[in-house]
């Protein structure tokens, strides 16, 4: 490899490392979100991981088995029944539920409370 090529490779590597460090420094250590999984114990497939406190956070119907809310708002886990929905569980900010128990696989969406 000639000298110019070596300098280009070294410069590109340095720039890539600097860019990666800048992105890592800009990212928050732990972002708040409402997350739900299709298995108990916060495992399996993550069905939703919303960092935005939307009025309604939709999830795949009837698959949620665990959830965690670290957003600043409370959320009501809801099951749609005909034209209305009923509350399965209430998730205040900072609340997590590793299993919905008998209500596993019933949540259709989360409604923001407050």
PDB file of N, CA and C in Angstrom:
ATOM      1  N   UNK A   1       0.847  -1.166   0.000  1.00  0.00           N
ATOM      2  CA  UNK A   1       0.000   0.000   0.000  1.00  0.00           C
ATOM      3  C   UNK A   1       0.896   1.235   0.000  1.00  0.00           C
ATOM      4  N   UNK A   2       0.546   2.205  -0.819  1.00  0.00           N
ATOM      5  CA  UNK A   2       1.402   3.398  -0.847  1.00  0.00           C
ATOM      6  C   UNK A   2       1.051   4.349   0.296  1.00  0.00           C
ATOM      7  N   UNK A   3       1.871   5.369   0.478  1.00  0.00           N
ATOM      8  CA  UNK A   3       1.724   6.280   1.618  1.00  0.00           C
ATOM      9  C   UNK A   3       0.399   7.032   1.598  1.00  0.00           C
ATOM     10  N   UNK A   4      -0.040   7.454   0.437  1.00  0.00           N
ATOM     11  CA  UNK A   4      -1.292   8.213   0.345  1.00  0.00           C
ATOM     12  C   UNK A   4      -2.474   7.332   0.746  1.00  0.00           C
ATOM     13  N   UNK A   5      -2.529   6.101   0.279  1.00  0.00           N
ATOM     14  CA  UNK A   5      -3.615   5.184   0.616  1.00  0.00           C
ATOM     15  C   UNK A   5      -3.642   4.904   2.110  1.00  0.00           C
ATOM     16  N   UNK A   6      -2.448   4.711   2.716  1.00  0.00           N
ATOM     17  CA  UNK A   6      -2.381   4.464   4.155  1.00  0.00           C
ATOM     18  C   UNK A   6      -2.924   5.655   4.936  1.00  0.00           C
ATOM     19  N   UNK A   7      -2.594   6.863   4.496  1.00  0.00           N
ATOM     20  CA  UNK A   7      -3.087   8.064   5.182  1.00  0.00           C
ATOM     21  C   UNK A   7      -4.593   8.195   5.050  1.00  0.00           C
ATOM     22  N   UNK A   8      -5.151   7.872   3.873  1.00  0.00           N
ATOM     23  CA  UNK A   8      -6.599   7.932   3.675  1.00  0.00           C
ATOM     24  C   UNK A   8      -7.321   6.935   4.568  1.00  0.00           C
ATOM     25  N   UNK A   9      -6.806   5.706   4.666  1.00  0.00           N
ATOM     26  CA  UNK A   9      -7.426   4.684   5.517  1.00  0.00           C
ATOM     27  C   UNK A   9      -7.363   5.107   6.977  1.00  0.00           C
ATOM     28  N   UNK A  10      -6.217   5.600   7.430  1.00  0.00           N
ATOM     29  CA  UNK A  10      -6.058   6.046   8.814  1.00  0.00           C
ATOM     30  C   UNK A  10      -6.992   7.217   9.103  1.00  0.00           C
ATOM     31  N   UNK A  11      -7.095   8.163   8.178  1.00  0.00           N
ATOM     32  CA  UNK A  11      -7.978   9.313   8.366  1.00  0.00           C
ATOM     33  C   UNK A  11      -9.440   8.914   8.414  1.00  0.00           C
ATOM     34  N   UNK A  12      -9.848   7.979   7.549  1.00  0.00           N
ATOM     35  CA  UNK A  12     -11.231   7.511   7.532  1.00  0.00           C
ATOM     36  C   UNK A  12     -11.558   6.776   8.828  1.00  0.00           C
ATOM     37  N   UNK A  13     -10.633   5.972   9.323  1.00  0.00           N
ATOM     38  CA  UNK A  13     -10.853   5.246  10.578  1.00  0.00           C
ATOM     39  C   UNK A  13     -11.002   6.211  11.742  1.00  0.00           C
ATOM     40  N   UNK A  14     -10.162   7.221  11.797  1.00  0.00           N
ATOM     41  CA  UNK A  14     -10.239   8.221  12.869  1.00  0.00           C
ATOM     42  C   UNK A  14     -11.560   8.967  12.801  1.00  0.00           C
ATOM     43  N   UNK A  15     -11.997   9.335  11.613  1.00  0.00           N
ATOM     44  CA  UNK A  15     -13.263  10.054  11.453  1.00  0.00           C
ATOM     45  C   UNK A  15     -14.441   9.177  11.868  1.00  0.00           C
ATOM     46  N   UNK A  16     -14.417   7.902  11.530  1.00  0.00           N
ATOM     47  CA  UNK A  16     -15.499   6.985  11.896  1.00  0.00           C
ATOM     48  C   UNK A  16     -15.588   6.816  13.406  1.00  0.00           C
ATOM     49  N   UNK A  17     -14.459   6.670  14.062  1.00  0.00           N
ATOM     50  CA  UNK A  17     -14.445   6.538  15.528  1.00  0.00           C
ATOM     51  C   UNK A  17     -14.945   7.820  16.175  1.00  0.00           C
ATOM     52  N   UNK A  18     -14.511   8.978  15.683  1.00  0.00           N
ATOM     53  CA  UNK A  18     -14.956  10.262  16.238  1.00  0.00           C
ATOM     54  C   UNK A  18     -16.457  10.435  16.063  1.00  0.00           C
ATOM     55  N   UNK A  19     -16.990  10.061  14.910  1.00  0.00           N
ATOM     56  CA  UNK A  19     -18.431  10.170  14.669  1.00  0.00           C
ATOM     57  C   UNK A  19     -19.211   9.246  15.594  1.00  0.00           C
ATOM     58  N   UNK A  20     -18.737   8.023  15.792  1.00  0.00           N
ATOM     59  CA  UNK A  20     -19.415   7.078  16.686  1.00  0.00           C
ATOM     60  C   UNK A  20     -19.416   7.582  18.119  1.00  0.00           C
ATOM     61  N   UNK A  21     -18.307   8.170  18.574  1.00  0.00           N
ATOM     62  CA  UNK A  21     -18.240   8.724  19.924  1.00  0.00           C
ATOM     63  C   UNK A  21     -19.165   9.916  20.083  1.00  0.00           C
ATOM     64  N   UNK A  22     -19.281  10.745  19.062  1.00  0.00           N
ATOM     65  CA  UNK A  22     -20.177  11.902  19.131  1.00  0.00           C
ATOM     66  C   UNK A  22     -21.626  11.455  19.232  1.00  0.00           C
ATOM     67  N   UNK A  23     -22.022  10.441  18.479  1.00  0.00           N
ATOM     68  CA  UNK A  23     -23.386   9.908  18.547  1.00  0.00           C
ATOM     69  C   UNK A  23     -23.634   9.299  19.916  1.00  0.00           C
ATOM     70  N   UNK A  24     -22.695   8.535  20.437  1.00  0.00           N
ATOM     71  CA  UNK A  24     -22.857   7.906  21.749  1.00  0.00           C
ATOM     72  C   UNK A  24     -22.966   8.958  22.841  1.00  0.00           C
ATOM     73  N   UNK A  25     -22.218  10.033  22.748  1.00  0.00           N
ATOM     74  CA  UNK A  25     -22.271  11.089  23.765  1.00  0.00           C
ATOM     75  C   UNK A  25     -23.586  11.850  23.696  1.00  0.00           C
ATOM     76  N   UNK A  26     -24.178  11.969  22.511  1.00  0.00           N
ATOM     77  CA  UNK A  26     -25.428  12.702  22.347  1.00  0.00           C
ATOM     78  C   UNK A  26     -26.634  11.889  22.794  1.00  0.00           C
ATOM     79  N   UNK A  27     -26.550  10.566  22.758  1.00  0.00           N
ATOM     80  CA  UNK A  27     -27.676   9.710  23.127  1.00  0.00           C
ATOM     81  C   UNK A  27     -27.850   9.685  24.637  1.00  0.00           C
ATOM     82  N   UNK A  28     -29.110   9.771  25.124  1.00  0.00           N
ATOM     83  CA  UNK A  28     -29.324   9.715  26.566  1.00  0.00           C
ATOM     84  C   UNK A  28     -28.979   8.328  27.105  1.00  0.00           C
ATOM     85  N   UNK A  29     -28.552   8.273  28.361  1.00  0.00           N
ATOM     86  CA  UNK A  29     -28.147   7.002  28.967  1.00  0.00           C
ATOM     87  C   UNK A  29     -29.323   6.037  29.038  1.00  0.00           C
ATOM     88  N   UNK A  30     -30.495   6.523  29.436  1.00  0.00           N
ATOM     89  CA  UNK A  30     -31.657   5.659  29.436  1.00  0.00           C
ATOM     90  C   UNK A  30     -32.876   6.523  29.136  1.00  0.00           C
ATOM     91  N   UNK A  31     -33.437   6.334  27.967  1.00  0.00           N
ATOM     92  CA  UNK A  31     -34.571   7.134  27.531  1.00  0.00           C
ATOM     93  C   UNK A  31     -35.860   6.587  28.139  1.00  0.00           C
ATOM     94  N   UNK A  32     -36.747   7.484  28.523  1.00  0.00           N
ATOM     95  CA  UNK A  32     -38.044   7.082  29.060  1.00  0.00           C
ATOM     96  C   UNK A  32     -38.901   6.538  27.924  1.00  0.00           C
ATOM     97  N   UNK A  33     -39.706   5.523  28.227  1.00  0.00           N
ATOM     98  CA  UNK A  33     -40.576   4.949  27.212  1.00  0.00           C
ATOM     99  C   UNK A  33     -41.668   4.100  27.854  1.00  0.00           C
ATOM    100  N   UNK A  34     -42.647   3.755  27.052  1.00  0.00           N
ATOM    101  CA  UNK A  34     -43.609   2.734  27.424  1.00  0.00           C
ATOM    102  C   UNK A  34     -43.293   1.552  26.523  1.00  0.00           C
ATOM    103  N   UNK A  35     -42.949   0.429  27.128  1.00  0.00           N
ATOM    104  CA  UNK A  35     -42.572  -0.755  26.362  1.00  0.00           C
ATOM    105  C   UNK A  35     -43.430  -1.937  26.790  1.00  0.00           C
ATOM    106  N   UNK A  36     -43.741  -2.805  25.832  1.00  0.00           N
ATOM    107  CA  UNK A  36     -44.532  -4.008  26.111  1.00  0.00           C
ATOM    108  C   UNK A  36     -43.938  -5.184  25.351  1.00  0.00           C
ATOM    109  N   UNK A  37     -43.976  -6.358  25.965  1.00  0.00           N
ATOM    110  CA  UNK A  37     -43.412  -7.580  25.388  1.00  0.00           C
ATOM    111  C   UNK A  37     -44.482  -8.665  25.291  1.00  0.00           C
ATOM    112  N   UNK A  38     -44.230  -9.638  24.419  1.00  0.00           N
ATOM    113  CA  UNK A  38     -45.179 -10.738  24.238  1.00  0.00           C
ATOM    114  C   UNK A  38     -44.884 -11.933  25.141  1.00  0.00           C
ATOM    115  N   UNK A  39     -43.949 -11.802  26.052  1.00  0.00           N
ATOM    116  CA  UNK A  39     -43.634 -12.852  27.032  1.00  0.00           C
ATOM    117  C   UNK A  39     -43.596 -12.228  28.418  1.00  0.00           C
ATOM    118  N   UNK A  40     -43.767 -13.025  29.431  1.00  0.00           N
ATOM    119  CA  UNK A  40     -43.658 -12.525  30.796  1.00  0.00           C
ATOM    120  C   UNK A  40     -42.203 -12.207  31.106  1.00  0.00           C
ATOM    121  N   UNK A  41     -41.998 -11.396  32.137  1.00  0.00           N
ATOM    122  CA  UNK A  41     -40.637 -11.077  32.562  1.00  0.00           C
ATOM    123  C   UNK A  41     -39.880 -10.190  31.605  1.00  0.00           C
ATOM    124  N   UNK A  42     -40.595  -9.368  30.799  1.00  0.00           N
ATOM    125  CA  UNK A  42     -39.957  -8.416  29.881  1.00  0.00           C
ATOM    126  C   UNK A  42     -39.043  -9.128  28.890  1.00  0.00           C
ATOM    127  N   UNK A  43     -39.518 -10.227  28.340  1.00  0.00           N
ATOM    128  CA  UNK A  43     -38.723 -11.005  27.392  1.00  0.00           C
ATOM    129  C   UNK A  43     -39.556 -11.295  26.147  1.00  0.00           C
ATOM    130  N   UNK A  44     -38.950 -11.984  25.216  1.00  0.00           N
ATOM    131  CA  UNK A  44     -39.622 -12.288  23.963  1.00  0.00           C
ATOM    132  C   UNK A  44     -39.524 -11.117  23.011  1.00  0.00           C
ATOM    133  N   UNK A  45     -40.511 -10.958  22.161  1.00  0.00           N
ATOM    134  CA  UNK A  45     -40.546  -9.885  21.177  1.00  0.00           C
ATOM    135  C   UNK A  45     -41.082  -8.615  21.807  1.00  0.00           C
ATOM    136  N   UNK A  46     -40.385  -7.508  21.587  1.00  0.00           N
ATOM    137  CA  UNK A  46     -40.867  -6.218  22.080  1.00  0.00           C
ATOM    138  C   UNK A  46     -41.937  -5.748  21.103  1.00  0.00           C
ATOM    139  N   UNK A  47     -43.164  -5.597  21.600  1.00  0.00           N
ATOM    140  CA  UNK A  47     -44.295  -5.217  20.761  1.00  0.00           C
ATOM    141  C   UNK A  47     -44.357  -3.714  20.514  1.00  0.00           C
ATOM    142  N   UNK A  48     -43.920  -2.938  21.496  1.00  0.00           N
ATOM    143  CA  UNK A  48     -43.905  -1.480  21.368  1.00  0.00           C
ATOM    144  C   UNK A  48     -42.824  -0.941  22.290  1.00  0.00           C
ATOM    145  N   UNK A  49     -42.208   0.156  21.869  1.00  0.00           N
ATOM    146  CA  UNK A  49     -41.233   0.860  22.698  1.00  0.00           C
ATOM    147  C   UNK A  49     -41.346   2.324  22.310  1.00  0.00           C
ATOM    148  N   UNK A  50     -42.349   3.009  22.876  1.00  0.00           N
ATOM    149  CA  UNK A  50     -42.662   4.375  22.489  1.00  0.00           C
ATOM    150  C   UNK A  50     -42.036   5.364  23.451  1.00  0.00           C
ATOM    151  N   UNK A  51     -41.153   6.192  22.945  1.00  0.00           N
ATOM    152  CA  UNK A  51     -40.528   7.233  23.748  1.00  0.00           C
ATOM    153  C   UNK A  51     -41.376   8.506  23.737  1.00  0.00           C
ATOM    154  N   UNK A  52     -42.477   8.498  23.004  1.00  0.00           N
ATOM    155  CA  UNK A  52     -43.371   9.642  22.912  1.00  0.00           C
ATOM    156  C   UNK A  52     -44.627   9.375  23.719  1.00  0.00           C
ATOM    157  N   UNK A  53     -45.010  10.322  24.556  1.00  0.00           N
ATOM    158  CA  UNK A  53     -46.193  10.160  25.401  1.00  0.00           C
ATOM    159  C   UNK A  53     -47.461  10.467  24.602  1.00  0.00           C
ATOM    160  N   UNK A  54     -47.756   9.633  23.624  1.00  0.00           N
ATOM    161  CA  UNK A  54     -48.945   9.802  22.795  1.00  0.00           C
ATOM    162  C   UNK A  54     -50.200   9.548  23.616  1.00  0.00           C
ATOM    163  N   UNK A  55     -51.345  10.071  23.140  1.00  0.00           N
ATOM    164  CA  UNK A  55     -52.615   9.847  23.819  1.00  0.00           C
ATOM    165  C   UNK A  55     -52.971   8.363  23.810  1.00  0.00           C
ATOM    166  N   UNK A  56     -52.667   7.681  22.698  1.00  0.00           N
ATOM    167  CA  UNK A  56     -52.918   6.245  22.578  1.00  0.00           C
ATOM    168  C   UNK A  56     -51.668   5.586  22.012  1.00  0.00           C
ATOM    169  N   UNK A  57     -51.215   4.533  22.667  1.00  0.00           N
ATOM    170  CA  UNK A  57     -50.097   3.738  22.152  1.00  0.00           C
ATOM    171  C   UNK A  57     -50.659   2.374  21.814  1.00  0.00           C
ATOM    172  N   UNK A  58     -50.681   2.065  20.534  1.00  0.00           N
ATOM    173  CA  UNK A  58     -51.279   0.826  20.048  1.00  0.00           C
ATOM    174  C   UNK A  58     -50.277  -0.320  20.137  1.00  0.00           C
ATOM    175  N   UNK A  59     -50.767  -1.512  20.461  1.00  0.00           N
ATOM    176  CA  UNK A  59     -49.953  -2.723  20.447  1.00  0.00           C
ATOM    177  C   UNK A  59     -50.700  -3.785  19.655  1.00  0.00           C
ATOM    178  N   UNK A  60     -49.988  -4.818  19.264  1.00  0.00           N
ATOM    179  CA  UNK A  60     -50.626  -5.926  18.554  1.00  0.00           C
ATOM    180  C   UNK A  60     -51.698  -6.511  19.474  1.00  0.00           C
ATOM    181  N   UNK A  61     -52.903  -6.666  18.965  1.00  0.00           N
ATOM    182  CA  UNK A  61     -54.021  -7.134  19.776  1.00  0.00           C
ATOM    183  C   UNK A  61     -53.747  -8.486  20.431  1.00  0.00           C
ATOM    184  N   UNK A  62     -54.057  -8.547  21.706  1.00  0.00           N
ATOM    185  CA  UNK A  62     -54.093  -9.806  22.468  1.00  0.00           C
ATOM    186  C   UNK A  62     -52.773 -10.567  22.505  1.00  0.00           C
ATOM    187  N   UNK A  63     -51.643  -9.837  22.621  1.00  0.00           N
ATOM    188  CA  UNK A  63     -50.350 -10.523  22.732  1.00  0.00           C
ATOM    189  C   UNK A  63     -49.507 -10.057  23.909  1.00  0.00           C
ATOM    190  N   UNK A  64     -49.867  -8.941  24.551  1.00  0.00           N
ATOM    191  CA  UNK A  64     -49.045  -8.365  25.618  1.00  0.00           C
ATOM    192  C   UNK A  64     -49.096  -9.213  26.886  1.00  0.00           C
ATOM    193  N   UNK A  65     -47.913  -9.506  27.439  1.00  0.00           N
ATOM    194  CA  UNK A  65     -47.813 -10.269  28.689  1.00  0.00           C
ATOM    195  C   UNK A  65     -46.987  -9.564  29.753  1.00  0.00           C
ATOM    196  N   UNK A  66     -46.229  -8.523  29.390  1.00  0.00           N
ATOM    197  CA  UNK A  66     -45.493  -7.729  30.369  1.00  0.00           C
ATOM    198  C   UNK A  66     -45.286  -6.336  29.794  1.00  0.00           C
ATOM    199  N   UNK A  67     -45.175  -5.338  30.690  1.00  0.00           N
ATOM    200  CA  UNK A  67     -45.031  -3.957  30.235  1.00  0.00           C
ATOM    201  C   UNK A  67     -44.309  -3.132  31.289  1.00  0.00           C
ATOM    202  N   UNK A  68     -43.701  -2.046  30.821  1.00  0.00           N
ATOM    203  CA  UNK A  68     -42.951  -1.132  31.697  1.00  0.00           C
ATOM    204  C   UNK A  68     -43.205   0.299  31.219  1.00  0.00           C
ATOM    205  N   UNK A  69     -43.558   1.192  32.162  1.00  0.00           N
ATOM    206  CA  UNK A  69     -43.803   2.595  31.840  1.00  0.00           C
ATOM    207  C   UNK A  69     -42.803   3.477  32.580  1.00  0.00           C
ATOM    208  N   UNK A  70     -41.891   4.097  31.844  1.00  0.00           N
ATOM    209  CA  UNK A  70     -40.961   5.046  32.442  1.00  0.00           C
ATOM    210  C   UNK A  70     -41.201   6.458  31.900  1.00  0.00           C
ATOM    211  N   UNK A  71     -42.330   6.665  31.203  1.00  0.00           N
ATOM    212  CA  UNK A  71     -42.714   7.996  30.751  1.00  0.00           C
ATOM    213  C   UNK A  71     -43.235   8.799  31.939  1.00  0.00           C
ATOM    214  N   UNK A  72     -43.420  10.092  31.771  1.00  0.00           N
ATOM    215  CA  UNK A  72     -43.872  10.935  32.879  1.00  0.00           C
ATOM    216  C   UNK A  72     -45.388  10.915  33.063  1.00  0.00           C
ATOM    217  N   UNK A  73     -46.114  10.200  32.216  1.00  0.00           N
ATOM    218  CA  UNK A  73     -47.569  10.076  32.328  1.00  0.00           C
ATOM    219  C   UNK A  73     -47.952   8.657  32.716  1.00  0.00           C
ATOM    220  N   UNK A  74     -49.126   8.521  33.314  1.00  0.00           N
ATOM    221  CA  UNK A  74     -49.681   7.197  33.576  1.00  0.00           C
ATOM    222  C   UNK A  74     -50.379   6.690  32.319  1.00  0.00           C
ATOM    223  N   UNK A  75     -50.495   5.375  32.211  1.00  0.00           N
ATOM    224  CA  UNK A  75     -51.181   4.752  31.080  1.00  0.00           C
ATOM    225  C   UNK A  75     -52.124   3.665  31.555  1.00  0.00           C
ATOM    226  N   UNK A  76     -53.261   3.570  30.899  1.00  0.00           N
ATOM    227  CA  UNK A  76     -54.247   2.536  31.169  1.00  0.00           C
ATOM    228  C   UNK A  76     -54.134   1.484  30.072  1.00  0.00           C
ATOM    229  N   UNK A  77     -53.795   0.242  30.457  1.00  0.00           N
ATOM    230  CA  UNK A  77     -53.762  -0.865  29.487  1.00  0.00           C
ATOM    231  C   UNK A  77     -55.211  -1.269  29.242  1.00  0.00           C
ATOM    232  N   UNK A  78     -55.641  -1.261  27.981  1.00  0.00           N
ATOM    233  CA  UNK A  78     -57.055  -1.442  27.657  1.00  0.00           C
ATOM    234  C   UNK A  78     -57.283  -2.634  26.736  1.00  0.00           C
ATOM    235  N   UNK A  79     -58.438  -3.274  26.939  1.00  0.00           N
ATOM    236  CA  UNK A  79     -58.907  -4.363  26.084  1.00  0.00           C
ATOM    237  C   UNK A  79     -60.173  -3.874  25.393  1.00  0.00           C
ATOM    238  N   UNK A  80     -60.165  -3.893  24.068  1.00  0.00           N
ATOM    239  CA  UNK A  80     -61.336  -3.458  23.316  1.00  0.00           C
ATOM    240  C   UNK A  80     -62.383  -4.556  23.319  1.00  0.00           C
ATOM    241  N   UNK A  81     -63.583  -4.165  23.743  1.00  0.00           N
ATOM    242  CA  UNK A  81     -64.717  -5.090  23.808  1.00  0.00           C
ATOM    243  C   UNK A  81     -65.861  -4.418  23.052  1.00  0.00           C
ATOM    244  N   UNK A  82     -66.203  -4.951  21.895  1.00  0.00           N
ATOM    245  CA  UNK A  82     -67.243  -4.390  21.051  1.00  0.00           C
ATOM    246  C   UNK A  82     -66.901  -2.946  20.698  1.00  0.00           C
ATOM    247  N   UNK A  83     -67.710  -1.962  21.113  1.00  0.00           N
ATOM    248  CA  UNK A  83     -67.479  -0.559  20.759  1.00  0.00           C
ATOM    249  C   UNK A  83     -66.786   0.225  21.862  1.00  0.00           C
ATOM    250  N   UNK A  84     -66.417  -0.382  22.935  1.00  0.00           N
ATOM    251  CA  UNK A  84     -65.770   0.307  24.047  1.00  0.00           C
ATOM    252  C   UNK A  84     -64.580  -0.510  24.509  1.00  0.00           C
ATOM    253  N   UNK A  85     -63.834   0.034  25.453  1.00  0.00           N
ATOM    254  CA  UNK A  85     -62.699  -0.709  25.995  1.00  0.00           C
ATOM    255  C   UNK A  85     -62.763  -0.706  27.520  1.00  0.00           C
ATOM    256  N   UNK A  86     -62.174  -1.711  28.112  1.00  0.00           N
ATOM    257  CA  UNK A  86     -62.130  -1.830  29.570  1.00  0.00           C
ATOM    258  C   UNK A  86     -60.673  -1.844  30.017  1.00  0.00           C
ATOM    259  N   UNK A  87     -60.433  -1.319  31.218  1.00  0.00           N
ATOM    260  CA  UNK A  87     -59.076  -1.267  31.746  1.00  0.00           C
ATOM    261  C   UNK A  87     -58.655  -2.643  32.270  1.00  0.00           C
ATOM    262  N   UNK A  88     -57.480  -3.080  31.815  1.00  0.00           N
ATOM    263  CA  UNK A  88     -56.881  -4.335  32.283  1.00  0.00           C
ATOM    264  C   UNK A  88     -55.948  -4.046  33.454  1.00  0.00           C
ATOM    265  N   UNK A  89     -55.179  -2.959  33.340  1.00  0.00           N
ATOM    266  CA  UNK A  89     -54.246  -2.553  34.396  1.00  0.00           C
ATOM    267  C   UNK A  89     -53.922  -1.080  34.219  1.00  0.00           C
ATOM    268  N   UNK A  90     -53.601  -0.414  35.329  1.00  0.00           N
ATOM    269  CA  UNK A  90     -53.173   0.975  35.281  1.00  0.00           C
ATOM    270  C   UNK A  90     -51.672   1.028  35.542  1.00  0.00           C
ATOM    271  N   UNK A  91     -50.943   1.780  34.700  1.00  0.00           N
ATOM    272  CA  UNK A  91     -49.495   1.916  34.796  1.00  0.00           C
ATOM    273  C   UNK A  91     -49.122   3.362  35.099  1.00  0.00           C
ATOM    274  N   UNK A  92     -48.994   3.738  36.386  1.00  0.00           N
ATOM    275  CA  UNK A  92     -48.478   5.084  36.662  1.00  0.00           C
ATOM    276  C   UNK A  92     -47.022   5.176  36.211  1.00  0.00           C
ATOM    277  N   UNK A  93     -46.505   6.375  36.138  1.00  0.00           N
ATOM    278  CA  UNK A  93     -45.108   6.559  35.746  1.00  0.00           C
ATOM    279  C   UNK A  93     -44.203   5.763  36.680  1.00  0.00           C
ATOM    280  N   UNK A  94     -43.273   5.009  36.096  1.00  0.00           N
ATOM    281  CA  UNK A  94     -42.332   4.214  36.878  1.00  0.00           C
ATOM    282  C   UNK A  94     -42.830   2.825  37.223  1.00  0.00           C
ATOM    283  N   UNK A  95     -44.017   2.440  36.772  1.00  0.00           N
ATOM    284  CA  UNK A  95     -44.612   1.141  37.107  1.00  0.00           C
ATOM    285  C   UNK A  95     -44.268   0.108  36.042  1.00  0.00           C
ATOM    286  N   UNK A  96     -44.063  -1.116  36.473  1.00  0.00           N
ATOM    287  CA  UNK A  96     -43.847  -2.223  35.538  1.00  0.00           C
ATOM    288  C   UNK A  96     -44.607  -3.443  36.038  1.00  0.00           C
ATOM    289  N   UNK A  97     -44.983  -4.288  35.109  1.00  0.00           N
ATOM    290  CA  UNK A  97     -45.735  -5.501  35.429  1.00  0.00           C
ATOM    291  C   UNK A  97     -45.117  -6.631  34.624  1.00  0.00           C
ATOM    292  N   UNK A  98     -44.508  -7.593  35.308  1.00  0.00           N
ATOM    293  CA  UNK A  98     -43.812  -8.668  34.595  1.00  0.00           C
ATOM    294  C   UNK A  98     -44.774  -9.727  34.072  1.00  0.00           C
ATOM    295  N   UNK A  99     -46.026  -9.706  34.521  1.00  0.00           N
ATOM    296  CA  UNK A  99     -47.054 -10.606  33.994  1.00  0.00           C
ATOM    297  C   UNK A  99     -48.418 -10.012  34.292  1.00  0.00           C
ATOM    298  N   UNK A 100     -49.333 -10.093  33.338  1.00  0.00           N
ATOM    299  CA  UNK A 100     -50.697  -9.647  33.546  1.00  0.00           C
ATOM    300  C   UNK A 100     -51.537 -10.752  34.180  1.00  0.00           C
ATOM    301  N   UNK A 101     -50.939 -11.916  34.450  1.00  0.00           N
ATOM    302  CA  UNK A 101     -51.656 -13.033  35.055  1.00  0.00           C
ATOM    303  C   UNK A 101     -52.791 -13.508  34.167  1.00  0.00           C
ATOM    304  N   UNK A 102     -53.993 -13.573  34.723  1.00  0.00           N
ATOM    305  CA  UNK A 102     -55.156 -14.026  33.967  1.00  0.00           C
ATOM    306  C   UNK A 102     -55.540 -13.100  32.827  1.00  0.00           C
ATOM    307  N   UNK A 103     -55.014 -11.879  32.841  1.00  0.00           N
ATOM    308  CA  UNK A 103     -55.308 -10.922  31.769  1.00  0.00           C
ATOM    309  C   UNK A 103     -54.238 -10.916  30.676  1.00  0.00           C
ATOM    310  N   UNK A 104     -53.283 -11.860  30.732  1.00  0.00           N
ATOM    311  CA  UNK A 104     -52.300 -11.965  29.647  1.00  0.00           C
ATOM    312  C   UNK A 104     -53.035 -12.131  28.324  1.00  0.00           C
ATOM    313  N   UNK A 105     -52.473 -11.558  27.280  1.00  0.00           N
ATOM    314  CA  UNK A 105     -53.015 -11.677  25.922  1.00  0.00           C
ATOM    315  C   UNK A 105     -54.389 -11.032  25.772  1.00  0.00           C
ATOM    316  N   UNK A 106     -54.648  -9.938  26.514  1.00  0.00           N
ATOM    317  CA  UNK A 106     -55.918  -9.221  26.349  1.00  0.00           C
ATOM    318  C   UNK A 106     -55.731  -7.750  25.973  1.00  0.00           C
ATOM    319  N   UNK A 107     -54.543  -7.175  26.169  1.00  0.00           N
ATOM    320  CA  UNK A 107     -54.329  -5.745  25.935  1.00  0.00           C
ATOM    321  C   UNK A 107     -54.296  -5.449  24.438  1.00  0.00           C
ATOM    322  N   UNK A 108     -55.029  -4.380  24.058  1.00  0.00           N
ATOM    323  CA  UNK A 108     -55.075  -3.939  22.663  1.00  0.00           C
ATOM    324  C   UNK A 108     -54.410  -2.574  22.453  1.00  0.00           C
ATOM    325  N   UNK A 109     -54.388  -1.744  23.512  1.00  0.00           N
ATOM    326  CA  UNK A 109     -53.759  -0.431  23.431  1.00  0.00           C
ATOM    327  C   UNK A 109     -53.579   0.139  24.829  1.00  0.00           C
ATOM    328  N   UNK A 110     -52.744   1.186  24.917  1.00  0.00           N
ATOM    329  CA  UNK A 110     -52.516   1.907  26.164  1.00  0.00           C
ATOM    330  C   UNK A 110     -53.022   3.334  25.978  1.00  0.00           C
ATOM    331  N   UNK A 111     -53.893   3.804  26.859  1.00  0.00           N
ATOM    332  CA  UNK A 111     -54.390   5.180  26.808  1.00  0.00           C
ATOM    333  C   UNK A 111     -53.684   6.022  27.865  1.00  0.00           C
ATOM    334  N   UNK A 112     -53.212   7.194  27.463  1.00  0.00           N
ATOM    335  CA  UNK A 112     -52.527   8.085  28.411  1.00  0.00           C
ATOM    336  C   UNK A 112     -53.550   8.643  29.404  1.00  0.00           C
ATOM    337  N   UNK A 113     -53.157   8.688  30.670  1.00  0.00           N
ATOM    338  CA  UNK A 113     -53.999   9.244  31.726  1.00  0.00           C
ATOM    339  C   UNK A 113     -53.263  10.461  32.279  1.00  0.00           C
ATOM    340  N   UNK A 114     -53.841  11.625  32.150  1.00  0.00           N
ATOM    341  CA  UNK A 114     -53.219  12.850  32.656  1.00  0.00           C
ATOM    342  C   UNK A 114     -52.596  13.680  31.582  1.00  0.00           C
TER     343      UNK A 114
END
